[in-house]
Every structure is written in structure tokens, then in C-alpha cells.
Amino acid sequence: MLSLIWTILIGFVAGLIARALKPGDDSGGFIFTTIIGIAGALIATYIGQAMGWYTAGQGAGFIASVVGAIVLLFVWGLIKRKS
């Protein structure tokens, strides 16, 4: 349970960092950025640990969370642009 809470907290920070690093105008607000960051962190944590790239608590997990959040922001931008 505690690891899930840490993943959510790291996802929050990862979402803010991803928003700062991703170029372009994103119209989503603070809540949306937080949700994208948490989703990116959860996906990156699951995939990274399932592939054996890192274990829980390693720094690479944070980097992967930021990358996951950037990817989700990019995909969201593509989806939003089409509609």
C-alpha cells in the first residue's frame, strides 16, 4: 500500500516536470497535469518492474515516470488536435 502512495506522489512531481519539459501549448490545467503524471508513473512503474529494468525504490523509476508522463502528454496532444 505504501508503494502505491509513493508512486502517486512521484507521479504528481513527474507530471509537473513533464509539463515543464514538453514543448508546446498545453491547455490542460493543474489537475489534468497531476492525473497525467500519476498515470505515467503507474504505467512506467508497472512496465519497468515487469521487464526487470529496475526494482522498487530505484532512481530509474523516477526518470521512467517523467518519460511516461511526457509520452502521455504527447499522446493527449495528438488526440486533442484531431478533435
C-alpha atoms as a PDB file:
ATOM      1  CA  MET A   1       0.000   0.000   0.000  1.00  0.00           C
ATOM      2  CA  LEU A   2       2.808   2.386   0.852  1.00  0.00           C
ATOM      3  CA  SER A   3       4.488   1.813  -2.514  1.00  0.00           C
ATOM      4  CA  LEU A   4       1.269   2.847  -4.280  1.00  0.00           C
ATOM      5  CA  ILE A   5       1.161   6.073  -2.279  1.00  0.00           C
ATOM      6  CA  TRP A   6       4.811   6.780  -3.170  1.00  0.00           C
ATOM      7  CA  THR A   7       4.067   6.075  -6.833  1.00  0.00           C
ATOM      8  CA  ILE A   8       1.204   8.582  -6.744  1.00  0.00           C
ATOM      9  CA  LEU A   9       3.369  11.231  -5.055  1.00  0.00           C
ATOM     10  CA  ILE A  10       6.190  10.665  -7.535  1.00  0.00           C
ATOM     11  CA  GLY A  11       3.634  10.793 -10.351  1.00  0.00           C
ATOM     12  CA  PHE A  12       2.484  14.184  -9.131  1.00  0.00           C
ATOM     13  CA  VAL A  13       6.023  15.558  -9.292  1.00  0.00           C
ATOM     14  CA  ALA A  14       6.706  13.728 -12.578  1.00  0.00           C
ATOM     15  CA  GLY A  15       3.633  15.336 -14.139  1.00  0.00           C
ATOM     16  CA  LEU A  16       4.831  18.804 -13.198  1.00  0.00           C
ATOM     17  CA  ILE A  17       8.318  18.108 -14.551  1.00  0.00           C
ATOM     18  CA  ALA A  18       6.908  16.585 -17.743  1.00  0.00           C
ATOM     19  CA  ARG A  19       4.755  19.674 -18.302  1.00  0.00           C
ATOM     20  CA  ALA A  20       7.815  21.886 -17.896  1.00  0.00           C
ATOM     21  CA  LEU A  21       9.939  19.767 -20.261  1.00  0.00           C
ATOM     22  CA  LYS A  22       7.394  19.148 -23.018  1.00  0.00           C
ATOM     23  CA  PRO A  23       7.370  21.981 -25.539  1.00  0.00           C
ATOM     24  CA  GLY A  24       4.158  23.463 -26.858  1.00  0.00           C
ATOM     25  CA  ASP A  25       0.976  24.943 -25.516  1.00  0.00           C
ATOM     26  CA  ASP A  26      -0.977  22.523 -23.349  1.00  0.00           C
ATOM     27  CA  SER A  27      -4.367  23.777 -22.320  1.00  0.00           C
ATOM     28  CA  GLY A  28      -4.815  21.256 -19.501  1.00  0.00           C
ATOM     29  CA  GLY A  29      -4.773  22.626 -16.003  1.00  0.00           C
ATOM     30  CA  PHE A  30      -3.086  21.655 -12.778  1.00  0.00           C
ATOM     31  CA  ILE A  31      -5.444  18.743 -12.058  1.00  0.00           C
ATOM     32  CA  PHE A  32      -5.003  17.324 -15.564  1.00  0.00           C
ATOM     33  CA  THR A  33      -1.228  17.565 -15.274  1.00  0.00           C
ATOM     34  CA  THR A  34      -1.377  15.719 -11.967  1.00  0.00           C
ATOM     35  CA  ILE A  35      -3.564  12.957 -13.404  1.00  0.00           C
ATOM     36  CA  ILE A  36      -1.281  12.524 -16.433  1.00  0.00           C
ATOM     37  CA  GLY A  37       1.763  12.397 -14.153  1.00  0.00           C
ATOM     38  CA  ILE A  38       0.220   9.787 -11.886  1.00  0.00           C
ATOM     39  CA  ALA A  39      -0.880   7.681 -14.868  1.00  0.00           C
ATOM     40  CA  GLY A  40       2.592   7.961 -16.403  1.00  0.00           C
ATOM     41  CA  ALA A  41       4.195   6.937 -13.122  1.00  0.00           C
ATOM     42  CA  LEU A  42       1.893   3.954 -12.679  1.00  0.00           C
ATOM     43  CA  ILE A  43       2.446   2.760 -16.250  1.00  0.00           C
ATOM     44  CA  ALA A  44       6.220   3.301 -16.095  1.00  0.00           C
ATOM     45  CA  THR A  45       6.456   1.552 -12.730  1.00  0.00           C
ATOM     46  CA  TYR A  46       4.488  -1.440 -13.931  1.00  0.00           C
ATOM     47  CA  ILE A  47       6.335  -1.810 -17.238  1.00  0.00           C
ATOM     48  CA  GLY A  48       9.806  -1.158 -15.792  1.00  0.00           C
ATOM     49  CA  GLN A  49       9.417  -3.643 -12.973  1.00  0.00           C
ATOM     50  CA  ALA A  50       7.737  -6.241 -15.185  1.00  0.00           C
ATOM     51  CA  MET A  51      10.604  -6.022 -17.684  1.00  0.00           C
ATOM     52  CA  GLY A  52      13.169  -6.237 -14.879  1.00  0.00           C
ATOM     53  CA  TRP A  53      14.757  -2.885 -15.751  1.00  0.00           C
ATOM     54  CA  TYR A  54      14.678  -1.735 -12.131  1.00  0.00           C
ATOM     55  CA  THR A  55      13.233  -2.607  -8.773  1.00  0.00           C
ATOM     56  CA  ALA A  56      11.040  -0.576  -6.478  1.00  0.00           C
ATOM     57  CA  GLY A  57      12.818   2.427  -4.991  1.00  0.00           C
ATOM     58  CA  GLN A  58      15.473   2.949  -7.655  1.00  0.00           C
ATOM     59  CA  GLY A  59      16.104   6.351  -9.216  1.00  0.00           C
ATOM     60  CA  ALA A  60      15.447   4.999 -12.678  1.00  0.00           C
ATOM     61  CA  GLY A  61      11.814   4.629 -11.670  1.00  0.00           C
ATOM     62  CA  PHE A  62      11.510   8.391 -11.269  1.00  0.00           C
ATOM     63  CA  ILE A  63      13.139   9.017 -14.638  1.00  0.00           C
ATOM     64  CA  ALA A  64      10.800   6.488 -16.243  1.00  0.00           C
ATOM     65  CA  SER A  65       7.833   8.200 -14.576  1.00  0.00           C
ATOM     66  CA  VAL A  66       8.783  11.531 -16.113  1.00  0.00           C
ATOM     67  CA  VAL A  67       9.265   9.899 -19.523  1.00  0.00           C
ATOM     68  CA  GLY A  68       5.916   8.109 -19.157  1.00  0.00           C
ATOM     69  CA  ALA A  69       4.181  11.375 -18.323  1.00  0.00           C
ATOM     70  CA  ILE A  70       5.784  13.125 -21.315  1.00  0.00           C
ATOM     71  CA  VAL A  71       4.626  10.311 -23.602  1.00  0.00           C
ATOM     72  CA  LEU A  72       1.087  10.556 -22.236  1.00  0.00           C
ATOM     73  CA  LEU A  73       1.079  14.340 -22.693  1.00  0.00           C
ATOM     74  CA  PHE A  74       2.254  13.885 -26.277  1.00  0.00           C
ATOM     75  CA  VAL A  75      -0.445  11.275 -26.990  1.00  0.00           C
ATOM     76  CA  TRP A  76      -3.075  13.518 -25.379  1.00  0.00           C
ATOM     77  CA  GLY A  77      -1.944  16.391 -27.613  1.00  0.00           C
ATOM     78  CA  LEU A  78      -2.368  14.210 -30.710  1.00  0.00           C
ATOM     79  CA  ILE A  79      -5.831  13.096 -29.630  1.00  0.00           C
ATOM     80  CA  LYS A  80      -6.920  16.630 -28.777  1.00  0.00           C
ATOM     81  CA  ARG A  81      -5.618  18.002 -32.057  1.00  0.00           C
ATOM     82  CA  LYS A  82      -7.757  15.543 -34.075  1.00  0.00           C
ATOM     83  CA  SER A  83     -10.987  16.530 -32.325  1.00  0.00           C
END
